[in-house]
Amino acid sequence: MSQRDDLLRGARQCLAEKGYSRTTARDIAHASGANLASIGYYFGSKDALLNAAVLESFDEWGDAVEAAMADADSDNPLDRLEAFFDHFIASTPQRRTMLVASLQAFAEAEFAPEIYAQLRASHDEGRRSLAALVLNADPSDLTNEDLSVGFVVLSLINGFALQWFTSPESAPGPAEIARAVRRLVG
């Protein structure tokens, strides 16, 4: 494992144990076994490293959901959306610490251009991936209208995550989300 990978591993550990705003560069260096100066060398700043760790975690989460969706037996976008949320919601409790860290990263993005840029790039890619997943399409073949589907799905994910974070017992299940979307489209 490279020192860069060690730093990411250490940052993820710190995020789980302390959260985004309470983690120091020294905490990460200690958890990773890496030199404190290596944070700046590889990532530019502690915040950029923490954000990279959050984004890496969400990429893994997305990959796991995408792999689970590979066997979805419908080409109907609403059925695929329901299947997506089934996998997403089932894995949310195990990802709580990364969800909290991402909420903190969003709050920091207003004041940290590097975090803003990383989150923007992540959302751009996320919209494309989500549209392809729900529409069962090749990401390179998506139209602007298709990308709008990704925007809506990402909005549903972010809205669900915020509401689940504050009130998990009242969060809707995948079937309820699908029924609500079906009701909206008439």
N, C-alpha and C. Protein backbone atom coordinates (compact mmCIF):
# COMPACT_ATOMS: atom_id res chain seq x y z
N MET A 1 0.85 -1.18 0.00
CA MET A 1 0.00 0.00 0.00
C MET A 1 0.90 1.25 0.00
N SER A 2 0.56 2.24 -0.81
CA SER A 2 1.35 3.46 -0.90
C SER A 2 1.04 4.38 0.28
N GLN A 3 1.88 5.38 0.46
CA GLN A 3 1.65 6.34 1.53
C GLN A 3 0.36 7.12 1.28
N ARG A 4 0.06 7.39 0.02
CA ARG A 4 -1.19 8.07 -0.33
C ARG A 4 -2.38 7.22 0.12
N ASP A 5 -2.32 5.93 -0.16
CA ASP A 5 -3.39 5.02 0.26
C ASP A 5 -3.49 4.94 1.78
N ASP A 6 -2.32 4.93 2.44
CA ASP A 6 -2.31 4.92 3.91
C ASP A 6 -3.00 6.16 4.46
N LEU A 7 -2.74 7.30 3.83
CA LEU A 7 -3.38 8.54 4.28
C LEU A 7 -4.90 8.47 4.10
N LEU A 8 -5.35 7.96 2.98
CA LEU A 8 -6.79 7.82 2.76
C LEU A 8 -7.42 6.88 3.78
N ARG A 9 -6.74 5.77 4.05
CA ARG A 9 -7.24 4.82 5.05
C ARG A 9 -7.30 5.49 6.42
N GLY A 10 -6.24 6.21 6.78
CA GLY A 10 -6.20 6.92 8.06
C GLY A 10 -7.27 7.99 8.15
N ALA A 11 -7.49 8.70 7.06
CA ALA A 11 -8.52 9.74 7.05
C ALA A 11 -9.91 9.12 7.22
N ARG A 12 -10.16 8.01 6.58
CA ARG A 12 -11.46 7.34 6.73
C ARG A 12 -11.65 6.86 8.16
N GLN A 13 -10.60 6.36 8.75
CA GLN A 13 -10.68 5.93 10.15
C GLN A 13 -11.01 7.13 11.05
N CYS A 14 -10.34 8.24 10.83
CA CYS A 14 -10.59 9.44 11.63
C CYS A 14 -12.00 9.98 11.42
N LEU A 15 -12.46 9.94 10.19
CA LEU A 15 -13.82 10.39 9.92
C LEU A 15 -14.83 9.56 10.70
N ALA A 16 -14.61 8.26 10.74
CA ALA A 16 -15.52 7.37 11.46
C ALA A 16 -15.46 7.61 12.96
N GLU A 17 -14.28 7.92 13.47
CA GLU A 17 -14.11 8.07 14.91
C GLU A 17 -14.37 9.49 15.42
N LYS A 18 -14.04 10.52 14.60
CA LYS A 18 -14.10 11.89 15.09
C LYS A 18 -14.98 12.82 14.26
N GLY A 19 -15.27 12.43 13.04
CA GLY A 19 -16.02 13.32 12.16
C GLY A 19 -15.09 14.27 11.41
N TYR A 20 -15.67 14.96 10.48
CA TYR A 20 -14.92 15.84 9.58
C TYR A 20 -14.29 17.01 10.33
N SER A 21 -15.10 17.74 11.06
CA SER A 21 -14.62 18.99 11.66
C SER A 21 -13.71 18.78 12.87
N ARG A 22 -13.74 17.63 13.48
CA ARG A 22 -12.92 17.39 14.67
C ARG A 22 -11.61 16.65 14.36
N THR A 23 -11.42 16.27 13.13
CA THR A 23 -10.20 15.55 12.75
C THR A 23 -9.09 16.55 12.42
N THR A 24 -7.93 16.34 13.00
CA THR A 24 -6.78 17.18 12.71
C THR A 24 -5.82 16.43 11.76
N ALA A 25 -4.91 17.19 11.18
CA ALA A 25 -3.89 16.57 10.33
C ALA A 25 -3.04 15.60 11.15
N ARG A 26 -2.76 15.95 12.37
CA ARG A 26 -1.98 15.06 13.24
C ARG A 26 -2.73 13.75 13.51
N ASP A 27 -4.05 13.84 13.67
CA ASP A 27 -4.85 12.63 13.86
C ASP A 27 -4.68 11.69 12.67
N ILE A 28 -4.76 12.26 11.48
CA ILE A 28 -4.64 11.45 10.26
C ILE A 28 -3.25 10.85 10.15
N ALA A 29 -2.23 11.67 10.42
CA ALA A 29 -0.85 11.16 10.35
C ALA A 29 -0.66 10.01 11.33
N HIS A 30 -1.20 10.17 12.52
CA HIS A 30 -1.07 9.11 13.53
C HIS A 30 -1.81 7.84 13.09
N ALA A 31 -3.05 7.99 12.62
CA ALA A 31 -3.86 6.83 12.22
C ALA A 31 -3.27 6.12 11.01
N SER A 32 -2.63 6.87 10.14
CA SER A 32 -2.10 6.28 8.90
C SER A 32 -0.67 5.79 9.04
N GLY A 33 0.05 6.29 10.05
CA GLY A 33 1.46 5.96 10.17
C GLY A 33 2.32 6.75 9.20
N ALA A 34 1.71 7.72 8.53
CA ALA A 34 2.42 8.52 7.53
C ALA A 34 3.00 9.78 8.17
N ASN A 35 3.90 10.40 7.47
CA ASN A 35 4.51 11.66 7.89
C ASN A 35 3.48 12.78 7.72
N LEU A 36 3.42 13.68 8.69
CA LEU A 36 2.48 14.80 8.65
C LEU A 36 2.60 15.60 7.36
N ALA A 37 3.82 15.84 6.90
CA ALA A 37 4.04 16.64 5.69
C ALA A 37 3.51 15.95 4.44
N SER A 38 3.34 14.63 4.49
CA SER A 38 2.86 13.91 3.30
C SER A 38 1.41 14.27 2.96
N ILE A 39 0.67 14.77 3.92
CA ILE A 39 -0.71 15.20 3.63
C ILE A 39 -0.68 16.33 2.60
N GLY A 40 0.15 17.32 2.85
CA GLY A 40 0.28 18.43 1.90
C GLY A 40 0.85 17.99 0.57
N TYR A 41 1.81 17.09 0.62
CA TYR A 41 2.44 16.61 -0.62
C TYR A 41 1.43 15.90 -1.51
N TYR A 42 0.65 15.00 -0.95
CA TYR A 42 -0.27 14.19 -1.75
C TYR A 42 -1.62 14.86 -1.99
N PHE A 43 -2.09 15.67 -1.06
CA PHE A 43 -3.46 16.19 -1.17
C PHE A 43 -3.56 17.71 -1.12
N GLY A 44 -2.52 18.38 -0.73
CA GLY A 44 -2.56 19.84 -0.68
C GLY A 44 -3.00 20.37 0.67
N SER A 45 -3.96 19.69 1.30
CA SER A 45 -4.44 20.13 2.61
C SER A 45 -5.17 18.98 3.30
N LYS A 46 -5.32 19.12 4.59
CA LYS A 46 -6.07 18.14 5.37
C LYS A 46 -7.51 18.05 4.88
N ASP A 47 -8.12 19.20 4.61
CA ASP A 47 -9.51 19.20 4.15
C ASP A 47 -9.67 18.49 2.82
N ALA A 48 -8.71 18.70 1.91
CA ALA A 48 -8.78 18.01 0.62
C ALA A 48 -8.65 16.50 0.81
N LEU A 49 -7.79 16.09 1.74
CA LEU A 49 -7.65 14.66 2.04
C LEU A 49 -8.94 14.10 2.63
N LEU A 50 -9.52 14.80 3.59
CA LEU A 50 -10.77 14.33 4.18
C LEU A 50 -11.86 14.22 3.13
N ASN A 51 -11.93 15.22 2.27
CA ASN A 51 -12.95 15.18 1.23
C ASN A 51 -12.70 14.03 0.26
N ALA A 52 -11.45 13.78 -0.07
CA ALA A 52 -11.12 12.65 -0.95
C ALA A 52 -11.53 11.34 -0.28
N ALA A 53 -11.35 11.25 1.03
CA ALA A 53 -11.76 10.04 1.75
C ALA A 53 -13.27 9.87 1.74
N VAL A 54 -14.00 10.97 1.90
CA VAL A 54 -15.47 10.91 1.84
C VAL A 54 -15.91 10.48 0.44
N LEU A 55 -15.33 11.11 -0.58
CA LEU A 55 -15.72 10.78 -1.95
C LEU A 55 -15.36 9.34 -2.30
N GLU A 56 -14.21 8.86 -1.83
CA GLU A 56 -13.83 7.47 -2.06
C GLU A 56 -14.83 6.52 -1.41
N SER A 57 -15.27 6.87 -0.23
CA SER A 57 -16.25 6.05 0.47
C SER A 57 -17.57 6.00 -0.31
N PHE A 58 -18.00 7.17 -0.81
CA PHE A 58 -19.23 7.19 -1.58
C PHE A 58 -19.09 6.47 -2.92
N ASP A 59 -17.90 6.53 -3.50
CA ASP A 59 -17.67 5.77 -4.72
C ASP A 59 -17.81 4.27 -4.45
N GLU A 60 -17.25 3.82 -3.32
CA GLU A 60 -17.39 2.41 -2.95
C GLU A 60 -18.85 2.06 -2.71
N TRP A 61 -19.57 2.95 -2.04
CA TRP A 61 -20.99 2.74 -1.78
C TRP A 61 -21.74 2.64 -3.11
N GLY A 62 -21.46 3.57 -4.01
CA GLY A 62 -22.09 3.54 -5.32
C GLY A 62 -21.76 2.29 -6.11
N ASP A 63 -20.50 1.86 -6.03
CA ASP A 63 -20.10 0.64 -6.73
C ASP A 63 -20.85 -0.57 -6.18
N ALA A 64 -21.03 -0.61 -4.86
CA ALA A 64 -21.75 -1.73 -4.25
C ALA A 64 -23.21 -1.74 -4.68
N VAL A 65 -23.82 -0.57 -4.71
CA VAL A 65 -25.23 -0.48 -5.15
C VAL A 65 -25.33 -0.84 -6.63
N GLU A 66 -24.39 -0.33 -7.42
CA GLU A 66 -24.39 -0.63 -8.86
C GLU A 66 -24.24 -2.13 -9.12
N ALA A 67 -23.36 -2.77 -8.37
CA ALA A 67 -23.17 -4.22 -8.52
C ALA A 67 -24.46 -4.95 -8.14
N ALA A 68 -25.12 -4.50 -7.10
CA ALA A 68 -26.37 -5.13 -6.69
C ALA A 68 -27.46 -4.90 -7.75
N MET A 69 -27.38 -3.78 -8.45
CA MET A 69 -28.37 -3.46 -9.47
C MET A 69 -28.15 -4.24 -10.77
N ALA A 70 -27.00 -4.86 -10.92
CA ALA A 70 -26.68 -5.56 -12.17
C ALA A 70 -27.72 -6.64 -12.48
N ASP A 71 -28.35 -7.17 -11.47
CA ASP A 71 -29.34 -8.23 -11.67
C ASP A 71 -30.78 -7.72 -11.72
N ALA A 72 -30.95 -6.39 -11.73
CA ALA A 72 -32.31 -5.85 -11.80
C ALA A 72 -32.99 -6.40 -13.05
N ASP A 73 -34.18 -6.93 -12.87
CA ASP A 73 -34.83 -7.65 -13.96
C ASP A 73 -35.86 -6.82 -14.71
N SER A 74 -35.73 -5.51 -14.68
CA SER A 74 -36.68 -4.67 -15.37
C SER A 74 -35.95 -3.57 -16.14
N ASP A 75 -36.52 -3.18 -17.26
CA ASP A 75 -36.00 -2.04 -17.99
C ASP A 75 -36.83 -0.79 -17.70
N ASN A 76 -37.89 -0.94 -16.89
CA ASN A 76 -38.73 0.20 -16.53
C ASN A 76 -37.96 1.08 -15.55
N PRO A 77 -37.76 2.36 -15.90
CA PRO A 77 -36.98 3.25 -15.03
C PRO A 77 -37.52 3.36 -13.60
N LEU A 78 -38.83 3.38 -13.43
CA LEU A 78 -39.37 3.49 -12.07
C LEU A 78 -39.13 2.21 -11.27
N ASP A 79 -39.22 1.06 -11.93
CA ASP A 79 -38.89 -0.19 -11.25
C ASP A 79 -37.41 -0.22 -10.87
N ARG A 80 -36.57 0.28 -11.77
CA ARG A 80 -35.13 0.30 -11.49
C ARG A 80 -34.82 1.31 -10.38
N LEU A 81 -35.56 2.43 -10.35
CA LEU A 81 -35.38 3.40 -9.27
C LEU A 81 -35.73 2.76 -7.93
N GLU A 82 -36.81 2.02 -7.90
CA GLU A 82 -37.20 1.33 -6.66
C GLU A 82 -36.13 0.31 -6.25
N ALA A 83 -35.62 -0.44 -7.21
CA ALA A 83 -34.57 -1.42 -6.90
C ALA A 83 -33.31 -0.71 -6.40
N PHE A 84 -32.99 0.43 -7.02
CA PHE A 84 -31.84 1.20 -6.57
C PHE A 84 -32.02 1.61 -5.11
N PHE A 85 -33.17 2.20 -4.80
CA PHE A 85 -33.40 2.65 -3.43
C PHE A 85 -33.44 1.48 -2.44
N ASP A 86 -33.88 0.34 -2.89
CA ASP A 86 -33.87 -0.83 -2.03
C ASP A 86 -32.44 -1.11 -1.56
N HIS A 87 -31.50 -1.12 -2.49
CA HIS A 87 -30.10 -1.37 -2.16
C HIS A 87 -29.47 -0.20 -1.40
N PHE A 88 -29.80 1.00 -1.82
CA PHE A 88 -29.24 2.20 -1.18
C PHE A 88 -29.69 2.29 0.28
N ILE A 89 -30.98 2.14 0.52
CA ILE A 89 -31.50 2.26 1.88
C ILE A 89 -30.98 1.14 2.78
N ALA A 90 -30.88 -0.05 2.24
CA ALA A 90 -30.38 -1.18 3.04
C ALA A 90 -28.95 -0.94 3.52
N SER A 91 -28.16 -0.21 2.73
CA SER A 91 -26.77 0.00 3.11
C SER A 91 -26.54 1.31 3.87
N THR A 92 -27.54 2.14 4.01
CA THR A 92 -27.37 3.44 4.67
C THR A 92 -26.93 3.34 6.13
N PRO A 93 -27.50 2.46 6.95
CA PRO A 93 -27.05 2.43 8.36
C PRO A 93 -25.56 2.13 8.52
N GLN A 94 -25.00 1.29 7.66
CA GLN A 94 -23.57 0.97 7.76
C GLN A 94 -22.70 2.14 7.30
N ARG A 95 -23.28 3.08 6.62
CA ARG A 95 -22.52 4.21 6.07
C ARG A 95 -22.78 5.51 6.83
N ARG A 96 -23.37 5.42 8.00
CA ARG A 96 -23.75 6.62 8.75
C ARG A 96 -22.57 7.56 8.98
N THR A 97 -21.42 7.04 9.38
CA THR A 97 -20.29 7.93 9.68
C THR A 97 -19.85 8.69 8.43
N MET A 98 -19.89 8.05 7.28
CA MET A 98 -19.51 8.74 6.05
C MET A 98 -20.60 9.74 5.63
N LEU A 99 -21.84 9.42 5.94
CA LEU A 99 -22.92 10.36 5.66
C LEU A 99 -22.72 11.62 6.49
N VAL A 100 -22.41 11.46 7.76
CA VAL A 100 -22.15 12.61 8.63
C VAL A 100 -20.96 13.40 8.10
N ALA A 101 -19.90 12.73 7.73
CA ALA A 101 -18.72 13.42 7.21
C ALA A 101 -19.05 14.17 5.93
N SER A 102 -19.88 13.59 5.08
CA SER A 102 -20.23 14.28 3.83
C SER A 102 -21.07 15.52 4.11
N LEU A 103 -21.95 15.45 5.10
CA LEU A 103 -22.73 16.63 5.46
C LEU A 103 -21.80 17.75 5.93
N GLN A 104 -20.79 17.38 6.70
CA GLN A 104 -19.82 18.38 7.14
C GLN A 104 -19.03 18.93 5.96
N ALA A 105 -18.71 18.08 5.00
CA ALA A 105 -17.96 18.53 3.82
C ALA A 105 -18.79 19.52 3.01
N PHE A 106 -20.09 19.26 2.88
CA PHE A 106 -20.96 20.19 2.16
C PHE A 106 -20.94 21.56 2.83
N ALA A 107 -20.99 21.57 4.15
CA ALA A 107 -20.98 22.84 4.87
C ALA A 107 -19.65 23.58 4.66
N GLU A 108 -18.56 22.85 4.57
CA GLU A 108 -17.24 23.45 4.37
C GLU A 108 -17.03 23.93 2.94
N ALA A 109 -17.74 23.36 1.99
CA ALA A 109 -17.51 23.65 0.57
C ALA A 109 -17.69 25.13 0.24
N GLU A 110 -18.56 25.79 0.94
CA GLU A 110 -18.79 27.22 0.69
C GLU A 110 -17.54 28.05 0.93
N PHE A 111 -16.67 27.55 1.82
CA PHE A 111 -15.50 28.32 2.23
C PHE A 111 -14.17 27.72 1.75
N ALA A 112 -14.24 26.59 1.09
CA ALA A 112 -13.02 25.91 0.63
C ALA A 112 -13.17 25.54 -0.83
N PRO A 113 -12.55 26.32 -1.73
CA PRO A 113 -12.71 26.08 -3.17
C PRO A 113 -12.33 24.66 -3.60
N GLU A 114 -11.32 24.05 -2.96
CA GLU A 114 -10.91 22.71 -3.38
C GLU A 114 -12.00 21.68 -3.04
N ILE A 115 -12.66 21.87 -1.91
CA ILE A 115 -13.75 20.96 -1.55
C ILE A 115 -14.93 21.17 -2.50
N TYR A 116 -15.23 22.43 -2.78
CA TYR A 116 -16.31 22.76 -3.71
C TYR A 116 -16.06 22.09 -5.06
N ALA A 117 -14.84 22.21 -5.56
CA ALA A 117 -14.51 21.64 -6.88
C ALA A 117 -14.64 20.12 -6.86
N GLN A 118 -14.18 19.48 -5.78
CA GLN A 118 -14.29 18.02 -5.69
C GLN A 118 -15.75 17.58 -5.62
N LEU A 119 -16.54 18.27 -4.83
CA LEU A 119 -17.95 17.91 -4.72
C LEU A 119 -18.68 18.14 -6.04
N ARG A 120 -18.36 19.22 -6.71
CA ARG A 120 -18.98 19.49 -8.01
C ARG A 120 -18.66 18.39 -9.01
N ALA A 121 -17.39 18.01 -9.08
CA ALA A 121 -16.98 16.94 -9.99
C ALA A 121 -17.67 15.62 -9.62
N SER A 122 -17.77 15.37 -8.34
CA SER A 122 -18.44 14.14 -7.87
C SER A 122 -19.91 14.14 -8.25
N HIS A 123 -20.56 15.27 -8.11
CA HIS A 123 -21.98 15.35 -8.49
C HIS A 123 -22.17 15.23 -9.99
N ASP A 124 -21.27 15.83 -10.76
CA ASP A 124 -21.37 15.70 -12.22
C ASP A 124 -21.29 14.23 -12.64
N GLU A 125 -20.33 13.52 -12.08
CA GLU A 125 -20.17 12.10 -12.39
C GLU A 125 -21.33 11.29 -11.81
N GLY A 126 -21.76 11.66 -10.62
CA GLY A 126 -22.87 10.95 -9.98
C GLY A 126 -24.16 11.03 -10.79
N ARG A 127 -24.47 12.21 -11.31
CA ARG A 127 -25.67 12.37 -12.13
C ARG A 127 -25.61 11.46 -13.35
N ARG A 128 -24.46 11.40 -13.98
CA ARG A 128 -24.29 10.55 -15.17
C ARG A 128 -24.44 9.08 -14.79
N SER A 129 -23.79 8.66 -13.74
CA SER A 129 -23.86 7.26 -13.31
C SER A 129 -25.27 6.86 -12.90
N LEU A 130 -25.93 7.73 -12.15
CA LEU A 130 -27.29 7.42 -11.69
C LEU A 130 -28.27 7.36 -12.85
N ALA A 131 -28.14 8.29 -13.78
CA ALA A 131 -29.03 8.26 -14.95
C ALA A 131 -28.83 6.95 -15.72
N ALA A 132 -27.59 6.57 -15.93
CA ALA A 132 -27.30 5.33 -16.65
C ALA A 132 -27.85 4.13 -15.90
N LEU A 133 -27.73 4.13 -14.60
CA LEU A 133 -28.20 3.02 -13.78
C LEU A 133 -29.72 2.88 -13.84
N VAL A 134 -30.41 3.98 -13.64
CA VAL A 134 -31.87 3.94 -13.60
C VAL A 134 -32.46 3.73 -15.00
N LEU A 135 -31.83 4.32 -16.01
CA LEU A 135 -32.35 4.18 -17.38
C LEU A 135 -31.81 2.93 -18.08
N ASN A 136 -30.91 2.21 -17.40
CA ASN A 136 -30.30 1.01 -17.96
C ASN A 136 -29.65 1.33 -19.32
N ALA A 137 -28.80 2.37 -19.28
CA ALA A 137 -28.19 2.88 -20.51
C ALA A 137 -26.68 2.98 -20.34
N ASP A 138 -25.99 3.05 -21.45
CA ASP A 138 -24.55 3.28 -21.44
C ASP A 138 -24.31 4.75 -21.09
N PRO A 139 -23.46 5.03 -20.10
CA PRO A 139 -23.23 6.43 -19.70
C PRO A 139 -22.78 7.34 -20.85
N SER A 140 -22.07 6.80 -21.82
CA SER A 140 -21.59 7.63 -22.92
C SER A 140 -22.70 7.96 -23.93
N ASP A 141 -23.84 7.28 -23.84
CA ASP A 141 -24.95 7.52 -24.77
C ASP A 141 -26.03 8.43 -24.21
N LEU A 142 -25.84 8.97 -23.04
CA LEU A 142 -26.89 9.76 -22.39
C LEU A 142 -27.06 11.12 -23.04
N THR A 143 -28.31 11.53 -23.16
CA THR A 143 -28.64 12.87 -23.66
C THR A 143 -28.75 13.83 -22.47
N ASN A 144 -28.92 15.11 -22.76
CA ASN A 144 -29.14 16.08 -21.69
C ASN A 144 -30.42 15.77 -20.91
N GLU A 145 -31.44 15.30 -21.62
CA GLU A 145 -32.68 14.91 -20.95
C GLU A 145 -32.43 13.73 -20.01
N ASP A 146 -31.61 12.78 -20.45
CA ASP A 146 -31.26 11.64 -19.60
C ASP A 146 -30.52 12.11 -18.35
N LEU A 147 -29.61 13.06 -18.54
CA LEU A 147 -28.84 13.58 -17.40
C LEU A 147 -29.75 14.26 -16.38
N SER A 148 -30.87 14.82 -16.85
CA SER A 148 -31.84 15.40 -15.93
C SER A 148 -32.42 14.35 -15.00
N VAL A 149 -32.56 13.12 -15.50
CA VAL A 149 -33.02 12.01 -14.66
C VAL A 149 -32.00 11.79 -13.54
N GLY A 150 -30.73 11.83 -13.88
CA GLY A 150 -29.68 11.69 -12.87
C GLY A 150 -29.73 12.79 -11.83
N PHE A 151 -30.03 14.00 -12.27
CA PHE A 151 -30.16 15.14 -11.36
C PHE A 151 -31.29 14.87 -10.35
N VAL A 152 -32.43 14.40 -10.85
CA VAL A 152 -33.57 14.13 -9.97
C VAL A 152 -33.26 12.99 -9.01
N VAL A 153 -32.64 11.92 -9.51
CA VAL A 153 -32.31 10.78 -8.64
C VAL A 153 -31.32 11.23 -7.57
N LEU A 154 -30.31 12.02 -7.94
CA LEU A 154 -29.35 12.51 -6.96
C LEU A 154 -30.05 13.40 -5.93
N SER A 155 -30.99 14.19 -6.37
CA SER A 155 -31.76 15.02 -5.44
C SER A 155 -32.56 14.16 -4.48
N LEU A 156 -33.14 13.08 -4.98
CA LEU A 156 -33.86 12.16 -4.10
C LEU A 156 -32.92 11.52 -3.08
N ILE A 157 -31.74 11.12 -3.54
CA ILE A 157 -30.76 10.52 -2.64
C ILE A 157 -30.36 11.51 -1.55
N ASN A 158 -29.99 12.71 -1.95
CA ASN A 158 -29.54 13.71 -0.98
C ASN A 158 -30.67 14.07 -0.01
N GLY A 159 -31.87 14.23 -0.54
CA GLY A 159 -33.01 14.53 0.33
C GLY A 159 -33.30 13.39 1.29
N PHE A 160 -33.26 12.17 0.77
CA PHE A 160 -33.48 11.01 1.64
C PHE A 160 -32.41 10.96 2.73
N ALA A 161 -31.14 11.14 2.34
CA ALA A 161 -30.04 11.05 3.31
C ALA A 161 -30.18 12.08 4.41
N LEU A 162 -30.53 13.31 4.06
CA LEU A 162 -30.71 14.34 5.09
C LEU A 162 -31.85 13.99 6.04
N GLN A 163 -32.94 13.54 5.47
CA GLN A 163 -34.09 13.21 6.32
C GLN A 163 -33.82 11.95 7.14
N TRP A 164 -33.16 10.96 6.55
CA TRP A 164 -32.83 9.75 7.29
C TRP A 164 -31.88 10.07 8.44
N PHE A 165 -30.95 10.97 8.20
CA PHE A 165 -29.98 11.34 9.24
C PHE A 165 -30.69 11.91 10.47
N THR A 166 -31.67 12.74 10.26
CA THR A 166 -32.34 13.37 11.41
C THR A 166 -33.49 12.54 11.96
N SER A 167 -34.06 11.66 11.13
CA SER A 167 -35.22 10.90 11.58
C SER A 167 -35.33 9.56 10.86
N PRO A 168 -34.40 8.64 11.14
CA PRO A 168 -34.38 7.38 10.40
C PRO A 168 -35.66 6.56 10.57
N GLU A 169 -36.31 6.68 11.71
CA GLU A 169 -37.52 5.89 11.94
C GLU A 169 -38.70 6.32 11.07
N SER A 170 -38.68 7.54 10.57
CA SER A 170 -39.80 7.98 9.73
C SER A 170 -39.44 8.05 8.25
N ALA A 171 -38.24 7.61 7.90
CA ALA A 171 -37.83 7.64 6.49
C ALA A 171 -38.63 6.61 5.69
N PRO A 172 -39.04 6.98 4.48
CA PRO A 172 -39.80 6.03 3.66
C PRO A 172 -38.91 4.91 3.15
N GLY A 173 -39.54 3.81 2.83
CA GLY A 173 -38.84 2.69 2.21
C GLY A 173 -38.82 2.84 0.71
N PRO A 174 -38.15 1.94 0.01
CA PRO A 174 -38.03 2.04 -1.44
C PRO A 174 -39.38 1.99 -2.16
N ALA A 175 -40.28 1.14 -1.70
CA ALA A 175 -41.60 1.04 -2.35
C ALA A 175 -42.37 2.35 -2.17
N GLU A 176 -42.25 2.96 -1.00
CA GLU A 176 -42.94 4.23 -0.77
C GLU A 176 -42.38 5.34 -1.65
N ILE A 177 -41.07 5.36 -1.82
CA ILE A 177 -40.45 6.36 -2.69
C ILE A 177 -40.93 6.16 -4.12
N ALA A 178 -40.94 4.91 -4.58
CA ALA A 178 -41.37 4.62 -5.95
C ALA A 178 -42.85 4.99 -6.14
N ARG A 179 -43.67 4.67 -5.16
CA ARG A 179 -45.10 5.04 -5.25
C ARG A 179 -45.27 6.55 -5.32
N ALA A 180 -44.49 7.27 -4.53
CA ALA A 180 -44.60 8.74 -4.54
C ALA A 180 -44.18 9.31 -5.89
N VAL A 181 -43.11 8.76 -6.48
CA VAL A 181 -42.66 9.24 -7.79
C VAL A 181 -43.71 8.90 -8.84
N ARG A 182 -44.26 7.68 -8.77
CA ARG A 182 -45.32 7.30 -9.72
C ARG A 182 -46.53 8.24 -9.60
N ARG A 183 -46.86 8.58 -8.36
CA ARG A 183 -48.01 9.48 -8.14
C ARG A 183 -47.72 10.87 -8.74
N LEU A 184 -46.48 11.33 -8.60
CA LEU A 184 -46.13 12.64 -9.16
C LEU A 184 -46.23 12.65 -10.68
N VAL A 185 -45.83 11.56 -11.32
CA VAL A 185 -45.85 11.53 -12.78
C VAL A 185 -47.20 11.14 -13.33
N GLY A 186 -48.13 10.76 -12.43
CA GLY A 186 -49.51 10.52 -12.80
C GLY A 186 -49.75 9.20 -13.45
